[in-house]
Amino acid sequence: HSDIRQAVVVLRTDNPEDPQLAAYLVPA
């Protein structure tokens, strides 16, 4: 994506019963 300079994706388990993929982004 042209508007994203840096991206990191992690699996968040804040709610163990419903883990979610979370994307952390630094804009370009």
mmCIF file of all heavy atoms, coordinates in Angstrom:
data_MODEL
# 
_entry.id   MODEL 
# 
loop_
_atom_site.group_PDB 
_atom_site.id 
_atom_site.type_symbol 
_atom_site.label_atom_id 
_atom_site.label_alt_id 
_atom_site.label_comp_id 
_atom_site.label_asym_id 
_atom_site.label_entity_id 
_atom_site.label_seq_id 
_atom_site.pdbx_PDB_ins_code 
_atom_site.Cartn_x 
_atom_site.Cartn_y 
_atom_site.Cartn_z 
_atom_site.occupancy 
_atom_site.B_iso_or_equiv 
_atom_site.pdbx_formal_charge 
_atom_site.auth_seq_id 
_atom_site.auth_comp_id 
_atom_site.auth_asym_id 
_atom_site.auth_atom_id 
_atom_site.pdbx_PDB_model_num 
ATOM 1   N N   . HIS A 1 1  ? 0.855   -1.194  0.000  1.00 0.00 ? 1  HIS A N   1 
ATOM 2   C CA  . HIS A 1 1  ? 0.000   0.000   0.000  1.00 0.00 ? 1  HIS A CA  1 
ATOM 3   C C   . HIS A 1 1  ? 0.887   1.239   0.000  1.00 0.00 ? 1  HIS A C   1 
ATOM 4   O O   . HIS A 1 1  ? 1.813   1.366   0.807  1.00 0.00 ? 1  HIS A O   1 
ATOM 5   C CB  . HIS A 1 1  ? -0.905  -0.004  1.228  1.00 0.00 ? 1  HIS A CB  1 
ATOM 6   C CG  . HIS A 1 1  ? -2.083  0.912   1.119  1.00 0.00 ? 1  HIS A CG  1 
ATOM 7   N ND1 . HIS A 1 1  ? -1.960  2.289   1.070  1.00 0.00 ? 1  HIS A ND1 1 
ATOM 8   C CD2 . HIS A 1 1  ? -3.417  0.651   1.021  1.00 0.00 ? 1  HIS A CD2 1 
ATOM 9   C CE1 . HIS A 1 1  ? -3.160  2.830   0.970  1.00 0.00 ? 1  HIS A CE1 1 
ATOM 10  N NE2 . HIS A 1 1  ? -4.062  1.862   0.927  1.00 0.00 ? 1  HIS A NE2 1 
ATOM 11  N N   . SER A 1 2  ? 0.598   2.160   -0.882 1.00 0.00 ? 2  SER A N   1 
ATOM 12  C CA  . SER A 1 2  ? 1.464   3.335   -1.056 1.00 0.00 ? 2  SER A CA  1 
ATOM 13  C C   . SER A 1 2  ? 1.485   4.256   0.162  1.00 0.00 ? 2  SER A C   1 
ATOM 14  O O   . SER A 1 2  ? 2.429   5.040   0.328  1.00 0.00 ? 2  SER A O   1 
ATOM 15  C CB  . SER A 1 2  ? 1.010   4.132   -2.284 1.00 0.00 ? 2  SER A CB  1 
ATOM 16  O OG  . SER A 1 2  ? -0.347  4.545   -2.144 1.00 0.00 ? 2  SER A OG  1 
ATOM 17  N N   . ASP A 1 3  ? 0.475   4.163   1.029  1.00 0.00 ? 3  ASP A N   1 
ATOM 18  C CA  . ASP A 1 3  ? 0.403   5.055   2.192  1.00 0.00 ? 3  ASP A CA  1 
ATOM 19  C C   . ASP A 1 3  ? 1.006   4.456   3.452  1.00 0.00 ? 3  ASP A C   1 
ATOM 20  O O   . ASP A 1 3  ? 0.900   5.045   4.523  1.00 0.00 ? 3  ASP A O   1 
ATOM 21  C CB  . ASP A 1 3  ? -1.059  5.444   2.462  1.00 0.00 ? 3  ASP A CB  1 
ATOM 22  C CG  . ASP A 1 3  ? -1.639  6.320   1.362  1.00 0.00 ? 3  ASP A CG  1 
ATOM 23  O OD1 . ASP A 1 3  ? -0.850  7.014   0.703  1.00 0.00 ? 3  ASP A OD1 1 
ATOM 24  O OD2 . ASP A 1 3  ? -2.867  6.296   1.152  1.00 0.00 ? 3  ASP A OD2 1 
ATOM 25  N N   . ILE A 1 4  ? 1.617   3.281   3.340  1.00 0.00 ? 4  ILE A N   1 
ATOM 26  C CA  . ILE A 1 4  ? 2.186   2.608   4.515  1.00 0.00 ? 4  ILE A CA  1 
ATOM 27  C C   . ILE A 1 4  ? 3.694   2.470   4.354  1.00 0.00 ? 4  ILE A C   1 
ATOM 28  O O   . ILE A 1 4  ? 4.182   1.942   3.349  1.00 0.00 ? 4  ILE A O   1 
ATOM 29  C CB  . ILE A 1 4  ? 1.541   1.230   4.726  1.00 0.00 ? 4  ILE A CB  1 
ATOM 30  C CG1 . ILE A 1 4  ? 0.059   1.399   5.067  1.00 0.00 ? 4  ILE A CG1 1 
ATOM 31  C CG2 . ILE A 1 4  ? 2.260   0.459   5.825  1.00 0.00 ? 4  ILE A CG2 1 
ATOM 32  C CD1 . ILE A 1 4  ? -0.686  0.106   5.204  1.00 0.00 ? 4  ILE A CD1 1 
ATOM 33  N N   . ARG A 1 5  ? 4.435   2.962   5.341  1.00 0.00 ? 5  ARG A N   1 
ATOM 34  C CA  . ARG A 1 5  ? 5.894   2.902   5.307  1.00 0.00 ? 5  ARG A CA  1 
ATOM 35  C C   . ARG A 1 5  ? 6.427   1.665   6.015  1.00 0.00 ? 5  ARG A C   1 
ATOM 36  O O   . ARG A 1 5  ? 7.435   1.095   5.620  1.00 0.00 ? 5  ARG A O   1 
ATOM 37  C CB  . ARG A 1 5  ? 6.486   4.163   5.949  1.00 0.00 ? 5  ARG A CB  1 
ATOM 38  C CG  . ARG A 1 5  ? 8.013   4.191   5.988  1.00 0.00 ? 5  ARG A CG  1 
ATOM 39  C CD  . ARG A 1 5  ? 8.526   5.591   6.277  1.00 0.00 ? 5  ARG A CD  1 
ATOM 40  N NE  . ARG A 1 5  ? 8.056   6.108   7.547  1.00 0.00 ? 5  ARG A NE  1 
ATOM 41  C CZ  . ARG A 1 5  ? 8.680   5.880   8.717  1.00 0.00 ? 5  ARG A CZ  1 
ATOM 42  N NH1 . ARG A 1 5  ? 9.764   5.132   8.749  1.00 0.00 ? 5  ARG A NH1 1 
ATOM 43  N NH2 . ARG A 1 5  ? 8.213   6.403   9.828  1.00 0.00 ? 5  ARG A NH2 1 
ATOM 44  N N   . GLN A 1 6  ? 5.751   1.266   7.089  1.00 0.00 ? 6  GLN A N   1 
ATOM 45  C CA  . GLN A 1 6  ? 6.217   0.124   7.870  1.00 0.00 ? 6  GLN A CA  1 
ATOM 46  C C   . GLN A 1 6  ? 5.015   -0.605  8.440  1.00 0.00 ? 6  GLN A C   1 
ATOM 47  O O   . GLN A 1 6  ? 4.022   0.024   8.837  1.00 0.00 ? 6  GLN A O   1 
ATOM 48  C CB  . GLN A 1 6  ? 7.125   0.611   9.005  1.00 0.00 ? 6  GLN A CB  1 
ATOM 49  C CG  . GLN A 1 6  ? 8.038   -0.448  9.589  1.00 0.00 ? 6  GLN A CG  1 
ATOM 50  C CD  . GLN A 1 6  ? 9.055   0.169   10.540 1.00 0.00 ? 6  GLN A CD  1 
ATOM 51  O OE1 . GLN A 1 6  ? 8.927   1.315   10.971 1.00 0.00 ? 6  GLN A OE1 1 
ATOM 52  N NE2 . GLN A 1 6  ? 10.084  -0.582  10.882 1.00 0.00 ? 6  GLN A NE2 1 
ATOM 53  N N   . ALA A 1 7  ? 5.086   -1.939  8.471  1.00 0.00 ? 7  ALA A N   1 
ATOM 54  C CA  . ALA A 1 7  ? 3.956   -2.739  8.956  1.00 0.00 ? 7  ALA A CA  1 
ATOM 55  C C   . ALA A 1 7  ? 4.456   -3.924  9.759  1.00 0.00 ? 7  ALA A C   1 
ATOM 56  O O   . ALA A 1 7  ? 5.418   -4.594  9.368  1.00 0.00 ? 7  ALA A O   1 
ATOM 57  C CB  . ALA A 1 7  ? 3.103   -3.217  7.785  1.00 0.00 ? 7  ALA A CB  1 
ATOM 58  N N   . VAL A 1 8  ? 3.809   -4.175  10.877 1.00 0.00 ? 8  VAL A N   1 
ATOM 59  C CA  . VAL A 1 8  ? 4.087   -5.346  11.704 1.00 0.00 ? 8  VAL A CA  1 
ATOM 60  C C   . VAL A 1 8  ? 2.746   -5.952  12.098 1.00 0.00 ? 8  VAL A C   1 
ATOM 61  O O   . VAL A 1 8  ? 1.830   -5.237  12.510 1.00 0.00 ? 8  VAL A O   1 
ATOM 62  C CB  . VAL A 1 8  ? 4.880   -4.978  12.974 1.00 0.00 ? 8  VAL A CB  1 
ATOM 63  C CG1 . VAL A 1 8  ? 4.991   -6.187  13.899 1.00 0.00 ? 8  VAL A CG1 1 
ATOM 64  C CG2 . VAL A 1 8  ? 6.263   -4.484  12.606 1.00 0.00 ? 8  VAL A CG2 1 
ATOM 65  N N   . VAL A 1 9  ? 2.633   -7.258  11.961 1.00 0.00 ? 9  VAL A N   1 
ATOM 66  C CA  . VAL A 1 9  ? 1.395   -7.958  12.320 1.00 0.00 ? 9  VAL A CA  1 
ATOM 67  C C   . VAL A 1 9  ? 1.704   -8.957  13.421 1.00 0.00 ? 9  VAL A C   1 
ATOM 68  O O   . VAL A 1 9  ? 2.684   -9.705  13.344 1.00 0.00 ? 9  VAL A O   1 
ATOM 69  C CB  . VAL A 1 9  ? 0.786   -8.680  11.100 1.00 0.00 ? 9  VAL A CB  1 
ATOM 70  C CG1 . VAL A 1 9  ? -0.481  -9.430  11.505 1.00 0.00 ? 9  VAL A CG1 1 
ATOM 71  C CG2 . VAL A 1 9  ? 0.468   -7.672  9.996  1.00 0.00 ? 9  VAL A CG2 1 
ATOM 72  N N   . VAL A 1 10 ? 0.880   -8.962  14.451 1.00 0.00 ? 10 VAL A N   1 
ATOM 73  C CA  . VAL A 1 10 ? 1.051   -9.890  15.569 1.00 0.00 ? 10 VAL A CA  1 
ATOM 74  C C   . VAL A 1 10 ? -0.286  -10.530 15.902 1.00 0.00 ? 10 VAL A C   1 
ATOM 75  O O   . VAL A 1 10 ? -1.341  -10.042 15.498 1.00 0.00 ? 10 VAL A O   1 
ATOM 76  C CB  . VAL A 1 10 ? 1.611   -9.180  16.828 1.00 0.00 ? 10 VAL A CB  1 
ATOM 77  C CG1 . VAL A 1 10 ? 2.963   -8.562  16.541 1.00 0.00 ? 10 VAL A CG1 1 
ATOM 78  C CG2 . VAL A 1 10 ? 0.628   -8.131  17.338 1.00 0.00 ? 10 VAL A CG2 1 
ATOM 79  N N   . LEU A 1 11 ? -0.219  -11.618 16.625 1.00 0.00 ? 11 LEU A N   1 
ATOM 80  C CA  . LEU A 1 11 ? -1.426  -12.270 17.125 1.00 0.00 ? 11 LEU A CA  1 
ATOM 81  C C   . LEU A 1 11 ? -1.665  -11.796 18.549 1.00 0.00 ? 11 LEU A C   1 
ATOM 82  O O   . LEU A 1 11 ? -0.868  -12.066 19.448 1.00 0.00 ? 11 LEU A O   1 
ATOM 83  C CB  . LEU A 1 11 ? -1.272  -13.788 17.094 1.00 0.00 ? 11 LEU A CB  1 
ATOM 84  C CG  . LEU A 1 11 ? -2.473  -14.586 17.615 1.00 0.00 ? 11 LEU A CG  1 
ATOM 85  C CD1 . LEU A 1 11 ? -3.693  -14.366 16.731 1.00 0.00 ? 11 LEU A CD1 1 
ATOM 86  C CD2 . LEU A 1 11 ? -2.136  -16.080 17.700 1.00 0.00 ? 11 LEU A CD2 1 
ATOM 87  N N   . ARG A 1 12 ? -2.757  -11.064 18.760 1.00 0.00 ? 12 ARG A N   1 
ATOM 88  C CA  . ARG A 1 12 ? -3.095  -10.567 20.096 1.00 0.00 ? 12 ARG A CA  1 
ATOM 89  C C   . ARG A 1 12 ? -3.960  -11.599 20.804 1.00 0.00 ? 12 ARG A C   1 
ATOM 90  O O   . ARG A 1 12 ? -4.936  -12.104 20.252 1.00 0.00 ? 12 ARG A O   1 
ATOM 91  C CB  . ARG A 1 12 ? -3.872  -9.243  20.011 1.00 0.00 ? 12 ARG A CB  1 
ATOM 92  C CG  . ARG A 1 12 ? -3.134  -8.108  19.339 1.00 0.00 ? 12 ARG A CG  1 
ATOM 93  C CD  . ARG A 1 12 ? -1.955  -7.597  20.123 1.00 0.00 ? 12 ARG A CD  1 
ATOM 94  N NE  . ARG A 1 12 ? -2.235  -7.304  21.514 1.00 0.00 ? 12 ARG A NE  1 
ATOM 95  C CZ  . ARG A 1 12 ? -1.419  -6.604  22.295 1.00 0.00 ? 12 ARG A CZ  1 
ATOM 96  N NH1 . ARG A 1 12 ? -0.289  -6.115  21.788 1.00 0.00 ? 12 ARG A NH1 1 
ATOM 97  N NH2 . ARG A 1 12 ? -1.703  -6.384  23.546 1.00 0.00 ? 12 ARG A NH2 1 
ATOM 98  N N   . THR A 1 13 ? -3.579  -11.912 22.037 1.00 0.00 ? 13 THR A N   1 
ATOM 99  C CA  . THR A 1 13 ? -4.350  -12.872 22.840 1.00 0.00 ? 13 THR A CA  1 
ATOM 100 C C   . THR A 1 13 ? -4.848  -12.193 24.111 1.00 0.00 ? 13 THR A C   1 
ATOM 101 O O   . THR A 1 13 ? -4.912  -12.824 25.168 1.00 0.00 ? 13 THR A O   1 
ATOM 102 C CB  . THR A 1 13 ? -3.477  -14.095 23.180 1.00 0.00 ? 13 THR A CB  1 
ATOM 103 O OG1 . THR A 1 13 ? -2.275  -13.650 23.837 1.00 0.00 ? 13 THR A OG1 1 
ATOM 104 C CG2 . THR A 1 13 ? -3.119  -14.871 21.936 1.00 0.00 ? 13 THR A CG2 1 
ATOM 105 N N   . ASP A 1 14 ? -5.180  -10.888 24.014 1.00 0.00 ? 14 ASP A N   1 
ATOM 106 C CA  . ASP A 1 14 ? -5.732  -10.182 25.177 1.00 0.00 ? 14 ASP A CA  1 
ATOM 107 C C   . ASP A 1 14 ? -6.994  -10.874 25.668 1.00 0.00 ? 14 ASP A C   1 
ATOM 108 O O   . ASP A 1 14 ? -7.266  -10.927 26.866 1.00 0.00 ? 14 ASP A O   1 
ATOM 109 C CB  . ASP A 1 14 ? -6.022  -8.728  24.800 1.00 0.00 ? 14 ASP A CB  1 
ATOM 110 C CG  . ASP A 1 14 ? -4.795  -8.042  24.209 1.00 0.00 ? 14 ASP A CG  1 
ATOM 111 O OD1 . ASP A 1 14 ? -3.949  -7.568  24.985 1.00 0.00 ? 14 ASP A OD1 1 
ATOM 112 O OD2 . ASP A 1 14 ? -4.687  -8.014  22.980 1.00 0.00 ? 14 ASP A OD2 1 
ATOM 113 N N   . ASN A 1 15 ? -7.778  -11.379 24.728 1.00 0.00 ? 15 ASN A N   1 
ATOM 114 C CA  . ASN A 1 15 ? -8.922  -12.215 25.054 1.00 0.00 ? 15 ASN A CA  1 
ATOM 115 C C   . ASN A 1 15 ? -8.579  -13.638 24.606 1.00 0.00 ? 15 ASN A C   1 
ATOM 116 O O   . ASN A 1 15 ? -8.671  -13.954 23.417 1.00 0.00 ? 15 ASN A O   1 
ATOM 117 C CB  . ASN A 1 15 ? -10.179 -11.725 24.337 1.00 0.00 ? 15 ASN A CB  1 
ATOM 118 C CG  . ASN A 1 15 ? -11.386 -12.597 24.633 1.00 0.00 ? 15 ASN A CG  1 
ATOM 119 O OD1 . ASN A 1 15 ? -11.333 -13.504 25.480 1.00 0.00 ? 15 ASN A OD1 1 
ATOM 120 N ND2 . ASN A 1 15 ? -12.488 -12.349 23.937 1.00 0.00 ? 15 ASN A ND2 1 
ATOM 121 N N   . PRO A 1 16 ? -8.135  -14.506 25.530 1.00 0.00 ? 16 PRO A N   1 
ATOM 122 C CA  . PRO A 1 16 ? -7.664  -15.847 25.153 1.00 0.00 ? 16 PRO A CA  1 
ATOM 123 C C   . PRO A 1 16 ? -8.693  -16.655 24.376 1.00 0.00 ? 16 PRO A C   1 
ATOM 124 O O   . PRO A 1 16 ? -8.328  -17.514 23.575 1.00 0.00 ? 16 PRO A O   1 
ATOM 125 C CB  . PRO A 1 16 ? -7.351  -16.495 26.515 1.00 0.00 ? 16 PRO A CB  1 
ATOM 126 C CG  . PRO A 1 16 ? -7.122  -15.348 27.450 1.00 0.00 ? 16 PRO A CG  1 
ATOM 127 C CD  . PRO A 1 16 ? -8.049  -14.268 26.984 1.00 0.00 ? 16 PRO A CD  1 
ATOM 128 N N   . GLU A 1 17 ? -9.973  -16.387 24.605 1.00 0.00 ? 17 GLU A N   1 
ATOM 129 C CA  . GLU A 1 17 ? -11.010 -17.139 23.918 1.00 0.00 ? 17 GLU A CA  1 
ATOM 130 C C   . GLU A 1 17 ? -11.207 -16.677 22.476 1.00 0.00 ? 17 GLU A C   1 
ATOM 131 O O   . GLU A 1 17 ? -11.843 -17.369 21.684 1.00 0.00 ? 17 GLU A O   1 
ATOM 132 C CB  . GLU A 1 17 ? -12.334 -17.022 24.682 1.00 0.00 ? 17 GLU A CB  1 
ATOM 133 C CG  . GLU A 1 17 ? -12.283 -17.617 26.088 1.00 0.00 ? 17 GLU A CG  1 
ATOM 134 C CD  . GLU A 1 17 ? -13.614 -17.489 26.800 1.00 0.00 ? 17 GLU A CD  1 
ATOM 135 O OE1 . GLU A 1 17 ? -14.543 -16.903 26.199 1.00 0.00 ? 17 GLU A OE1 1 
ATOM 136 O OE2 . GLU A 1 17 ? -13.721 -17.980 27.935 1.00 0.00 ? 17 GLU A OE2 1 
ATOM 137 N N   . ASP A 1 18 ? -10.670 -15.509 22.138 1.00 0.00 ? 18 ASP A N   1 
ATOM 138 C CA  . ASP A 1 18 ? -10.860 -14.980 20.797 1.00 0.00 ? 18 ASP A CA  1 
ATOM 139 C C   . ASP A 1 18 ? -9.600  -14.248 20.334 1.00 0.00 ? 18 ASP A C   1 
ATOM 140 O O   . ASP A 1 18 ? -9.566  -13.021 20.273 1.00 0.00 ? 18 ASP A O   1 
ATOM 141 C CB  . ASP A 1 18 ? -12.071 -14.032 20.764 1.00 0.00 ? 18 ASP A CB  1 
ATOM 142 C CG  . ASP A 1 18 ? -12.369 -13.534 19.363 1.00 0.00 ? 18 ASP A CG  1 
ATOM 143 O OD1 . ASP A 1 18 ? -12.042 -14.244 18.399 1.00 0.00 ? 18 ASP A OD1 1 
ATOM 144 O OD2 . ASP A 1 18 ? -12.913 -12.416 19.226 1.00 0.00 ? 18 ASP A OD2 1 
ATOM 145 N N   . PRO A 1 19 ? -8.529  -14.978 20.007 1.00 0.00 ? 19 PRO A N   1 
ATOM 146 C CA  . PRO A 1 19 ? -7.302  -14.325 19.526 1.00 0.00 ? 19 PRO A CA  1 
ATOM 147 C C   . PRO A 1 19 ? -7.559  -13.609 18.209 1.00 0.00 ? 19 PRO A C   1 
ATOM 148 O O   . PRO A 1 19 ? -8.324  -14.092 17.369 1.00 0.00 ? 19 PRO A O   1 
ATOM 149 C CB  . PRO A 1 19 ? -6.327  -15.495 19.357 1.00 0.00 ? 19 PRO A CB  1 
ATOM 150 C CG  . PRO A 1 19 ? -7.196  -16.699 19.193 1.00 0.00 ? 19 PRO A CG  1 
ATOM 151 C CD  . PRO A 1 19 ? -8.415  -16.448 20.020 1.00 0.00 ? 19 PRO A CD  1 
ATOM 152 N N   . GLN A 1 20 ? -6.912  -12.447 18.037 1.00 0.00 ? 20 GLN A N   1 
ATOM 153 C CA  . GLN A 1 20 ? -7.131  -11.644 16.839 1.00 0.00 ? 20 GLN A CA  1 
ATOM 154 C C   . GLN A 1 20 ? -5.799  -11.205 16.241 1.00 0.00 ? 20 GLN A C   1 
ATOM 155 O O   . GLN A 1 20 ? -4.855  -10.890 16.954 1.00 0.00 ? 20 GLN A O   1 
ATOM 156 C CB  . GLN A 1 20 ? -7.954  -10.393 17.190 1.00 0.00 ? 20 GLN A CB  1 
ATOM 157 C CG  . GLN A 1 20 ? -9.363  -10.671 17.686 1.00 0.00 ? 20 GLN A CG  1 
ATOM 158 C CD  . GLN A 1 20 ? -10.337 -10.985 16.560 1.00 0.00 ? 20 GLN A CD  1 
ATOM 159 O OE1 . GLN A 1 20 ? -9.967  -10.927 15.393 1.00 0.00 ? 20 GLN A OE1 1 
ATOM 160 N NE2 . GLN A 1 20 ? -11.561 -11.300 16.901 1.00 0.00 ? 20 GLN A NE2 1 
ATOM 161 N N   . LEU A 1 21 ? -5.757  -11.155 14.910 1.00 0.00 ? 21 LEU A N   1 
ATOM 162 C CA  . LEU A 1 21 ? -4.605  -10.593 14.226 1.00 0.00 ? 21 LEU A CA  1 
ATOM 163 C C   . LEU A 1 21 ? -4.691  -9.071  14.297 1.00 0.00 ? 21 LEU A C   1 
ATOM 164 O O   . LEU A 1 21 ? -5.741  -8.488  14.016 1.00 0.00 ? 21 LEU A O   1 
ATOM 165 C CB  . LEU A 1 21 ? -4.572  -11.030 12.760 1.00 0.00 ? 21 LEU A CB  1 
ATOM 166 C CG  . LEU A 1 21 ? -4.290  -12.512 12.503 1.00 0.00 ? 21 LEU A CG  1 
ATOM 167 C CD1 . LEU A 1 21 ? -4.452  -12.820 11.021 1.00 0.00 ? 21 LEU A CD1 1 
ATOM 168 C CD2 . LEU A 1 21 ? -2.904  -12.900 12.985 1.00 0.00 ? 21 LEU A CD2 1 
ATOM 169 N N   . ALA A 1 22 ? -3.590  -8.439  14.688 1.00 0.00 ? 22 ALA A N   1 
ATOM 170 C CA  . ALA A 1 22 ? -3.545  -6.976  14.788 1.00 0.00 ? 22 ALA A CA  1 
ATOM 171 C C   . ALA A 1 22 ? -2.401  -6.454  13.935 1.00 0.00 ? 22 ALA A C   1 
ATOM 172 O O   . ALA A 1 22 ? -1.276  -6.967  14.000 1.00 0.00 ? 22 ALA A O   1 
ATOM 173 C CB  . ALA A 1 22 ? -3.372  -6.539  16.242 1.00 0.00 ? 22 ALA A CB  1 
ATOM 174 N N   . ALA A 1 23 ? -2.691  -5.434  13.134 1.00 0.00 ? 23 ALA A N   1 
ATOM 175 C CA  . ALA A 1 23 ? -1.677  -4.816  12.276 1.00 0.00 ? 23 ALA A CA  1 
ATOM 176 C C   . ALA A 1 23 ? -1.261  -3.477  12.863 1.00 0.00 ? 23 ALA A C   1 
ATOM 177 O O   . ALA A 1 23 ? -2.111  -2.631  13.159 1.00 0.00 ? 23 ALA A O   1 
ATOM 178 C CB  . ALA A 1 23 ? -2.238  -4.625  10.867 1.00 0.00 ? 23 ALA A CB  1 
ATOM 179 N N   . TYR A 1 24 ? 0.043   -3.290  13.056 1.00 0.00 ? 24 TYR A N   1 
ATOM 180 C CA  . TYR A 1 24 ? 0.608   -2.026  13.545 1.00 0.00 ? 24 TYR A CA  1 
ATOM 181 C C   . TYR A 1 24 ? 1.292   -1.343  12.364 1.00 0.00 ? 24 TYR A C   1 
ATOM 182 O O   . TYR A 1 24 ? 2.138   -1.954  11.694 1.00 0.00 ? 24 TYR A O   1 
ATOM 183 C CB  . TYR A 1 24 ? 1.587   -2.283  14.680 1.00 0.00 ? 24 TYR A CB  1 
ATOM 184 C CG  . TYR A 1 24 ? 0.914   -2.807  15.927 1.00 0.00 ? 24 TYR A CG  1 
ATOM 185 C CD1 . TYR A 1 24 ? 0.624   -4.163  16.060 1.00 0.00 ? 24 TYR A CD1 1 
ATOM 186 C CD2 . TYR A 1 24 ? 0.566   -1.952  16.964 1.00 0.00 ? 24 TYR A CD2 1 
ATOM 187 C CE1 . TYR A 1 24 ? -0.008  -4.647  17.197 1.00 0.00 ? 24 TYR A CE1 1 
ATOM 188 C CE2 . TYR A 1 24 ? -0.055  -2.430  18.105 1.00 0.00 ? 24 TYR A CE2 1 
ATOM 189 C CZ  . TYR A 1 24 ? -0.345  -3.776  18.216 1.00 0.00 ? 24 TYR A CZ  1 
ATOM 190 O OH  . TYR A 1 24 ? -0.972  -4.249  19.338 1.00 0.00 ? 24 TYR A OH  1 
ATOM 191 N N   . LEU A 1 25 ? 0.931   -0.093  12.118 1.00 0.00 ? 25 LEU A N   1 
ATOM 192 C CA  . LEU A 1 25 ? 1.329   0.566   10.883 1.00 0.00 ? 25 LEU A CA  1 
ATOM 193 C C   . LEU A 1 25 ? 1.943   1.938   11.131 1.00 0.00 ? 25 LEU A C   1 
ATOM 194 O O   . LEU A 1 25 ? 1.460   2.692   11.981 1.00 0.00 ? 25 LEU A O   1 
ATOM 195 C CB  . LEU A 1 25 ? 0.108   0.723   9.963  1.00 0.00 ? 25 LEU A CB  1 
ATOM 196 C CG  . LEU A 1 25 ? -0.723  -0.554  9.739  1.00 0.00 ? 25 LEU A CG  1 
ATOM 197 C CD1 . LEU A 1 25 ? -2.042  -0.214  9.081  1.00 0.00 ? 25 LEU A CD1 1 
ATOM 198 C CD2 . LEU A 1 25 ? 0.052   -1.556  8.913  1.00 0.00 ? 25 LEU A CD2 1 
ATOM 199 N N   . VAL A 1 26 ? 2.999   2.236   10.394 1.00 0.00 ? 26 VAL A N   1 
ATOM 200 C CA  . VAL A 1 26 ? 3.590   3.574   10.378 1.00 0.00 ? 26 VAL A CA  1 
ATOM 201 C C   . VAL A 1 26 ? 3.287   4.168   9.003  1.00 0.00 ? 26 VAL A C   1 
ATOM 202 O O   . VAL A 1 26 ? 3.656   3.569   7.978  1.00 0.00 ? 26 VAL A O   1 
ATOM 203 C CB  . VAL A 1 26 ? 5.111   3.522   10.606 1.00 0.00 ? 26 VAL A CB  1 
ATOM 204 C CG1 . VAL A 1 26 ? 5.707   4.922   10.480 1.00 0.00 ? 26 VAL A CG1 1 
ATOM 205 C CG2 . VAL A 1 26 ? 5.406   2.939   11.987 1.00 0.00 ? 26 VAL A CG2 1 
ATOM 206 N N   . PRO A 1 27 ? 2.598   5.307   8.951  1.00 0.00 ? 27 PRO A N   1 
ATOM 207 C CA  . PRO A 1 27 ? 2.201   5.865   7.654  1.00 0.00 ? 27 PRO A CA  1 
ATOM 208 C C   . PRO A 1 27 ? 3.380   6.422   6.869  1.00 0.00 ? 27 PRO A C   1 
ATOM 209 O O   . PRO A 1 27 ? 4.375   6.875   7.445  1.00 0.00 ? 27 PRO A O   1 
ATOM 210 C CB  . PRO A 1 27 ? 1.207   6.960   8.036  1.00 0.00 ? 27 PRO A CB  1 
ATOM 211 C CG  . PRO A 1 27 ? 1.616   7.369   9.415  1.00 0.00 ? 27 PRO A CG  1 
ATOM 212 C CD  . PRO A 1 27 ? 2.125   6.113   10.081 1.00 0.00 ? 27 PRO A CD  1 
ATOM 213 N N   . ALA A 1 28 ? 3.246   6.386   5.546  1.00 0.00 ? 28 ALA A N   1 
ATOM 214 C CA  . ALA A 1 28 ? 4.271   6.961   4.682  1.00 0.00 ? 28 ALA A CA  1 
ATOM 215 C C   . ALA A 1 28 ? 4.084   8.465   4.554  1.00 0.00 ? 28 ALA A C   1 
ATOM 216 O O   . ALA A 1 28 ? 5.027   9.197   4.279  1.00 0.00 ? 28 ALA A O   1 
ATOM 217 C CB  . ALA A 1 28 ? 4.220   6.312   3.306  1.00 0.00 ? 28 ALA A CB  1 
# 
